[in-house]
Amino acid sequence: MELAVDRVMQAYGMMVNITFAQEKTLRADVTGFLSDSPSTDENQLAIEGLRYLRAR
């Protein structure tokens, strides 16, 4: 799941300018969100995580 979170943060960072502190907070939020996901596929988790952040 860590790889998926890294991919989400990299993609989101290209779309939105965020500070280091914001990135840490968002990373924790995404990790918590994805930990509840039944999916184990890294690609699917990355997509779900990016959708989650964009909907915030």
N, C-alpha and C. Protein backbone atom coordinates (compact mmCIF):
# COMPACT_ATOMS: atom_id res chain seq x y z
N MET A 1 0.82 -1.19 0.00
CA MET A 1 0.00 0.00 0.00
C MET A 1 0.87 1.26 0.00
N GLU A 2 2.06 1.16 0.54
CA GLU A 2 2.94 2.33 0.60
C GLU A 2 3.27 2.84 -0.80
N LEU A 3 3.45 1.93 -1.74
CA LEU A 3 3.73 2.33 -3.12
C LEU A 3 2.55 3.10 -3.70
N ALA A 4 1.34 2.66 -3.43
CA ALA A 4 0.15 3.34 -3.93
C ALA A 4 0.05 4.75 -3.34
N VAL A 5 0.33 4.89 -2.05
CA VAL A 5 0.28 6.21 -1.41
C VAL A 5 1.34 7.12 -2.01
N ASP A 6 2.52 6.59 -2.26
CA ASP A 6 3.58 7.38 -2.90
C ASP A 6 3.14 7.87 -4.27
N ARG A 7 2.53 7.00 -5.03
CA ARG A 7 2.05 7.38 -6.37
C ARG A 7 0.97 8.44 -6.30
N VAL A 8 0.05 8.30 -5.34
CA VAL A 8 -1.02 9.28 -5.15
C VAL A 8 -0.42 10.64 -4.83
N MET A 9 0.51 10.67 -3.90
CA MET A 9 1.09 11.94 -3.49
C MET A 9 1.90 12.57 -4.61
N GLN A 10 2.59 11.78 -5.39
CA GLN A 10 3.36 12.32 -6.51
C GLN A 10 2.42 12.94 -7.54
N ALA A 11 1.36 12.24 -7.89
CA ALA A 11 0.41 12.75 -8.88
C ALA A 11 -0.32 13.99 -8.36
N TYR A 12 -0.74 13.92 -7.11
CA TYR A 12 -1.48 15.05 -6.53
C TYR A 12 -0.57 16.27 -6.41
N GLY A 13 0.68 16.06 -6.09
CA GLY A 13 1.64 17.15 -6.00
C GLY A 13 1.88 17.84 -7.33
N MET A 14 1.67 17.15 -8.44
CA MET A 14 1.79 17.76 -9.76
C MET A 14 0.56 18.59 -10.11
N MET A 15 -0.57 18.28 -9.48
CA MET A 15 -1.81 19.00 -9.77
C MET A 15 -2.01 20.20 -8.87
N VAL A 16 -1.56 20.10 -7.62
CA VAL A 16 -1.82 21.11 -6.61
C VAL A 16 -0.51 21.43 -5.88
N ASN A 17 -0.25 22.72 -5.69
CA ASN A 17 0.92 23.10 -4.90
C ASN A 17 0.60 22.93 -3.42
N ILE A 18 1.37 22.09 -2.76
CA ILE A 18 1.17 21.85 -1.33
C ILE A 18 2.50 21.99 -0.60
N THR A 19 2.42 22.38 0.65
CA THR A 19 3.62 22.49 1.47
C THR A 19 3.99 21.11 2.00
N PHE A 20 5.17 21.05 2.59
CA PHE A 20 5.62 19.79 3.17
C PHE A 20 4.68 19.35 4.29
N ALA A 21 4.24 20.30 5.12
CA ALA A 21 3.34 19.98 6.23
C ALA A 21 1.99 19.48 5.69
N GLN A 22 1.49 20.10 4.64
CA GLN A 22 0.24 19.65 4.04
C GLN A 22 0.39 18.26 3.46
N GLU A 23 1.54 18.00 2.85
CA GLU A 23 1.78 16.67 2.28
C GLU A 23 1.76 15.60 3.36
N LYS A 24 2.38 15.87 4.50
CA LYS A 24 2.38 14.91 5.60
C LYS A 24 0.96 14.62 6.06
N THR A 25 0.15 15.66 6.20
CA THR A 25 -1.23 15.50 6.64
C THR A 25 -2.03 14.72 5.62
N LEU A 26 -1.90 15.09 4.35
CA LEU A 26 -2.64 14.41 3.28
C LEU A 26 -2.20 12.95 3.16
N ARG A 27 -0.92 12.71 3.31
CA ARG A 27 -0.40 11.34 3.23
C ARG A 27 -1.04 10.47 4.32
N ALA A 28 -1.15 11.01 5.52
CA ALA A 28 -1.78 10.27 6.62
C ALA A 28 -3.25 10.03 6.33
N ASP A 29 -3.94 11.04 5.77
CA ASP A 29 -5.36 10.89 5.42
C ASP A 29 -5.55 9.81 4.37
N VAL A 30 -4.73 9.84 3.33
CA VAL A 30 -4.85 8.85 2.25
C VAL A 30 -4.53 7.45 2.77
N THR A 31 -3.52 7.34 3.59
CA THR A 31 -3.17 6.04 4.16
C THR A 31 -4.32 5.47 4.97
N GLY A 32 -4.94 6.32 5.79
CA GLY A 32 -6.10 5.88 6.57
C GLY A 32 -7.26 5.47 5.69
N PHE A 33 -7.50 6.26 4.65
CA PHE A 33 -8.60 5.95 3.73
C PHE A 33 -8.36 4.63 3.02
N LEU A 34 -7.15 4.44 2.52
CA LEU A 34 -6.86 3.23 1.75
C LEU A 34 -6.76 1.99 2.64
N SER A 35 -6.47 2.17 3.90
CA SER A 35 -6.39 1.00 4.78
C SER A 35 -7.76 0.35 4.96
N ASP A 36 -8.83 1.10 4.71
CA ASP A 36 -10.19 0.54 4.80
C ASP A 36 -10.65 -0.10 3.50
N SER A 37 -9.85 0.05 2.45
CA SER A 37 -10.24 -0.48 1.14
C SER A 37 -10.04 -1.99 1.08
N PRO A 38 -11.00 -2.70 0.50
CA PRO A 38 -10.85 -4.15 0.36
C PRO A 38 -9.86 -4.54 -0.75
N SER A 39 -9.55 -3.60 -1.63
CA SER A 39 -8.66 -3.88 -2.74
C SER A 39 -7.22 -4.03 -2.26
N THR A 40 -6.48 -4.91 -2.93
CA THR A 40 -5.05 -5.07 -2.64
C THR A 40 -4.21 -4.73 -3.86
N ASP A 41 -4.85 -4.40 -4.96
CA ASP A 41 -4.16 -4.04 -6.19
C ASP A 41 -3.59 -2.63 -6.06
N GLU A 42 -2.28 -2.48 -6.20
CA GLU A 42 -1.63 -1.18 -6.03
C GLU A 42 -2.16 -0.13 -7.00
N ASN A 43 -2.44 -0.53 -8.24
CA ASN A 43 -2.97 0.43 -9.22
C ASN A 43 -4.35 0.91 -8.82
N GLN A 44 -5.19 0.00 -8.39
CA GLN A 44 -6.55 0.37 -7.98
C GLN A 44 -6.51 1.25 -6.73
N LEU A 45 -5.63 0.92 -5.80
CA LEU A 45 -5.49 1.73 -4.59
C LEU A 45 -5.03 3.15 -4.93
N ALA A 46 -4.11 3.27 -5.87
CA ALA A 46 -3.64 4.59 -6.28
C ALA A 46 -4.77 5.41 -6.89
N ILE A 47 -5.58 4.79 -7.70
CA ILE A 47 -6.72 5.48 -8.32
C ILE A 47 -7.71 5.92 -7.25
N GLU A 48 -8.02 5.02 -6.33
CA GLU A 48 -8.96 5.36 -5.25
C GLU A 48 -8.42 6.49 -4.38
N GLY A 49 -7.13 6.46 -4.09
CA GLY A 49 -6.52 7.50 -3.27
C GLY A 49 -6.55 8.85 -3.95
N LEU A 50 -6.29 8.88 -5.24
CA LEU A 50 -6.32 10.13 -5.98
C LEU A 50 -7.74 10.67 -6.07
N ARG A 51 -8.69 9.80 -6.28
CA ARG A 51 -10.10 10.23 -6.27
C ARG A 51 -10.47 10.83 -4.93
N TYR A 52 -10.01 10.19 -3.87
CA TYR A 52 -10.30 10.67 -2.52
C TYR A 52 -9.77 12.09 -2.32
N LEU A 53 -8.52 12.32 -2.70
CA LEU A 53 -7.94 13.64 -2.51
C LEU A 53 -8.61 14.69 -3.39
N ARG A 54 -8.93 14.34 -4.59
CA ARG A 54 -9.56 15.31 -5.50
C ARG A 54 -10.96 15.67 -5.04
N ALA A 55 -11.62 14.78 -4.33
CA ALA A 55 -12.99 15.03 -3.86
C ALA A 55 -13.01 15.85 -2.57
N ARG A 56 -11.86 15.99 -1.92
CA ARG A 56 -11.79 16.73 -0.66
C ARG A 56 -12.05 18.19 -0.84
